[in-house]
N, C-alpha and C. Protein backbone atom coordinates (compact mmCIF):
# COMPACT_ATOMS: atom_id res chain seq x y z
N UNK A 1 1.81 13.90 -4.50
CA UNK A 1 1.53 13.10 -3.25
C UNK A 1 0.22 13.52 -2.75
N UNK A 2 -0.79 12.96 -3.15
CA UNK A 2 -2.17 13.15 -2.53
C UNK A 2 -2.19 13.08 -0.79
N UNK A 3 -2.96 13.73 -0.11
CA UNK A 3 -3.09 13.72 1.51
C UNK A 3 -3.94 12.51 1.65
N UNK A 4 -2.72 11.66 2.52
CA UNK A 4 -3.62 10.14 2.98
C UNK A 4 -3.83 10.12 4.74
N UNK A 5 -3.44 11.43 4.83
CA UNK A 5 -3.59 11.23 6.29
C UNK A 5 -5.21 10.72 6.62
N UNK A 6 -5.04 9.71 7.81
CA UNK A 6 -4.20 9.24 8.62
C UNK A 6 -3.36 8.20 8.33
N UNK A 7 -3.36 7.89 7.16
CA UNK A 7 -2.62 6.47 6.87
C UNK A 7 -1.65 6.81 5.85
N UNK A 8 -0.44 5.89 6.03
CA UNK A 8 0.81 6.23 5.27
C UNK A 8 1.09 4.89 4.70
N UNK A 9 1.41 4.99 3.48
CA UNK A 9 2.17 4.08 2.63
C UNK A 9 3.49 3.56 2.63
N UNK A 10 3.75 2.60 2.77
CA UNK A 10 5.52 2.34 2.81
C UNK A 10 5.49 1.18 1.71
N UNK A 11 6.44 1.43 0.84
CA UNK A 11 6.55 0.71 -0.42
C UNK A 11 8.03 -0.39 -0.37
N UNK A 12 7.52 -1.36 -0.17
CA UNK A 12 8.55 -2.41 0.24
C UNK A 12 9.60 -2.99 -0.94
N UNK A 13 10.90 -2.87 -0.96
CA UNK A 13 11.44 -3.54 -2.03
C UNK A 13 11.40 -5.39 -2.43
N UNK A 14 11.66 -5.83 -3.27
CA UNK A 14 12.07 -7.02 -3.26
C UNK A 14 13.05 -7.44 -2.14
N UNK A 15 12.71 -8.45 -1.75
CA UNK A 15 13.65 -9.20 -0.84
C UNK A 15 14.85 -10.21 -1.27
N UNK A 16 14.31 -10.52 -2.45
CA UNK A 16 15.41 -11.43 -3.59
C UNK A 16 15.32 -10.68 -4.97
N UNK A 17 16.32 -11.05 -5.58
CA UNK A 17 16.52 -10.95 -7.03
C UNK A 17 15.35 -11.41 -7.73
N UNK A 18 14.65 -10.58 -8.61
CA UNK A 18 13.46 -11.22 -9.44
C UNK A 18 11.96 -11.27 -8.67
N UNK A 19 12.18 -10.86 -7.24
CA UNK A 19 11.11 -10.88 -6.39
C UNK A 19 10.08 -9.92 -6.54
N UNK A 20 9.05 -10.12 -6.15
CA UNK A 20 8.13 -8.78 -6.63
C UNK A 20 8.05 -7.64 -5.29
N UNK A 21 7.57 -6.28 -5.52
CA UNK A 21 7.40 -5.47 -4.40
C UNK A 21 6.10 -5.67 -3.92
N UNK A 22 6.34 -5.03 -2.94
CA UNK A 22 5.19 -5.37 -1.50
C UNK A 22 4.62 -3.44 -1.07
N UNK A 23 3.53 -3.43 -0.69
CA UNK A 23 3.22 -2.23 0.01
C UNK A 23 2.79 -2.69 1.15
N UNK A 24 2.78 -1.71 2.34
CA UNK A 24 1.84 -1.58 3.43
C UNK A 24 1.42 -0.70 3.99
N UNK A 25 0.26 -0.34 4.19
CA UNK A 25 -0.64 0.70 4.92
C UNK A 25 -0.53 0.76 6.35
N UNK A 26 -0.28 1.95 6.91
CA UNK A 26 -0.23 2.03 8.52
C UNK A 26 -1.26 3.01 8.58
N UNK A 27 -1.78 2.98 10.00
CA UNK A 27 -2.36 4.19 10.49
C UNK A 27 -2.51 3.97 11.94
N UNK A 28 -1.51 5.51 12.35
CA UNK A 28 -0.75 5.81 13.31
C UNK A 28 0.10 4.59 13.89
N UNK A 29 0.48 4.24 12.84
CA UNK A 29 1.74 3.22 12.98
C UNK A 29 1.64 1.74 13.03
N UNK A 30 0.06 1.38 13.06
CA UNK A 30 -0.03 0.34 13.09
C UNK A 30 -0.68 -0.12 12.02
N UNK A 31 0.07 -1.42 11.61
CA UNK A 31 -0.41 -2.32 10.13
C UNK A 31 -2.14 -2.33 10.27
N UNK A 32 -2.47 -1.60 9.05
CA UNK A 32 -3.84 -1.96 8.41
C UNK A 32 -4.24 -3.16 7.44
N UNK A 33 -3.33 -2.72 6.45
CA UNK A 33 -3.33 -3.69 5.22
C UNK A 33 -2.18 -4.03 4.36
N UNK A 34 -1.77 -5.26 3.88
CA UNK A 34 -0.70 -5.26 3.14
C UNK A 34 -1.26 -5.92 1.43
N UNK A 35 -0.12 -5.68 0.51
CA UNK A 35 -0.31 -6.39 -0.42
C UNK A 35 -0.71 -7.79 -0.57
N UNK A 36 -1.52 -8.20 -1.14
CA UNK A 36 -1.56 -9.84 -1.88
C UNK A 36 -1.38 -10.12 -2.83
N UNK A 37 -1.04 -8.99 -4.18
CA UNK A 37 -0.54 -9.59 -5.26
C UNK A 37 1.03 -9.12 -5.72
N UNK A 38 1.13 -9.74 -6.66
CA UNK A 38 2.79 -9.35 -6.94
C UNK A 38 2.80 -8.30 -8.26
N UNK A 39 3.49 -7.25 -7.56
CA UNK A 39 3.91 -5.85 -8.28
C UNK A 39 5.45 -6.11 -8.76
N UNK A 40 5.34 -5.81 -9.93
CA UNK A 40 6.51 -5.89 -10.83
C UNK A 40 7.35 -4.42 -10.46
N UNK A 41 7.15 -3.49 -10.31
CA UNK A 41 7.63 -2.30 -10.09
C UNK A 41 7.25 -1.55 -9.00
N UNK A 42 8.11 -0.64 -8.35
CA UNK A 42 7.75 0.21 -7.70
C UNK A 42 6.58 1.22 -7.51
N UNK A 43 6.53 1.59 -9.02
CA UNK A 43 5.69 2.28 -9.29
C UNK A 43 4.47 1.93 -9.07
N UNK A 44 4.05 0.58 -9.65
CA UNK A 44 2.96 -0.34 -9.75
C UNK A 44 2.46 -0.38 -8.05
N UNK A 45 3.33 -0.86 -7.35
CA UNK A 45 3.20 -1.05 -6.03
C UNK A 45 2.57 0.43 -5.15
N UNK A 46 3.21 1.70 -5.66
CA UNK A 46 2.83 2.97 -5.12
C UNK A 46 1.48 2.87 -5.39
N UNK A 47 1.23 2.58 -6.99
CA UNK A 47 -0.12 3.47 -7.41
C UNK A 47 -1.34 1.98 -6.54
N UNK A 48 -0.99 0.86 -6.62
CA UNK A 48 -1.96 -0.04 -6.25
C UNK A 48 -2.12 0.51 -4.29
N UNK A 49 -1.11 0.58 -3.75
CA UNK A 49 -1.08 0.78 -2.35
C UNK A 49 -2.10 2.22 -2.00
N UNK A 50 -1.90 3.30 -2.84
CA UNK A 50 -2.79 4.53 -2.81
C UNK A 50 -4.16 4.44 -3.47
N UNK A 51 -4.28 3.14 -4.18
CA UNK A 51 -5.78 3.03 -4.42
C UNK A 51 -6.21 2.48 -3.08
N UNK A 52 -5.55 1.66 -2.47
CA UNK A 52 -6.11 0.93 -1.37
C UNK A 52 -6.36 2.06 -0.42
N UNK A 53 -5.61 3.02 -0.24
CA UNK A 53 -5.64 4.04 0.84
C UNK A 53 -7.10 5.06 0.44
N UNK A 54 -7.36 5.37 -1.02
CA UNK A 54 -8.28 5.75 -1.55
C UNK A 54 -9.99 5.12 -1.01
N UNK A 55 -9.81 3.84 -0.75
CA UNK A 55 -10.80 2.99 -0.70
C UNK A 55 -11.11 3.34 0.95
N UNK A 56 -10.32 3.16 1.45
CA UNK A 56 -10.10 3.47 3.18
C UNK A 56 -10.62 4.67 3.45
N UNK A 57 -10.21 5.85 2.72
CA UNK A 57 -10.59 7.41 3.34
C UNK A 57 -11.94 7.41 2.92
N UNK A 58 -12.40 6.58 1.75
CA UNK A 58 -13.88 6.87 0.98
C UNK A 58 -15.11 5.77 2.10
N UNK A 59 -14.21 4.97 2.67
CA UNK A 59 -15.06 4.12 3.44
C UNK A 59 -15.74 2.56 2.85
N UNK A 60 -15.30 2.71 1.54
CA UNK A 60 -15.64 1.41 0.85
C UNK A 60 -14.79 0.11 1.42
N UNK A 61 -15.68 -0.59 1.53
CA UNK A 61 -15.14 -2.00 2.35
C UNK A 61 -15.15 -2.16 3.51
N UNK A 62 -15.41 -0.81 4.35
CA UNK A 62 -15.55 -1.36 5.95
C UNK A 62 -16.43 -2.03 6.21
N UNK A 63 -16.09 -2.75 7.39
CA UNK A 63 -17.13 -3.68 7.94
C UNK A 63 -17.79 -3.15 9.27
């Protein structure tokens, strides 16, 4: 797992059978971003979330 400090990635399982996985990115415990796409597996959710953390760390998309 890459160093994502100060961010943490939380992969959330589907709430119902057949639903999609979600992820949440937190910084110091506060929610920074949530997934907005349907992700069919835990691995895809983790990959997508880590890609977003990399963007945060590189400053891409900051306002």
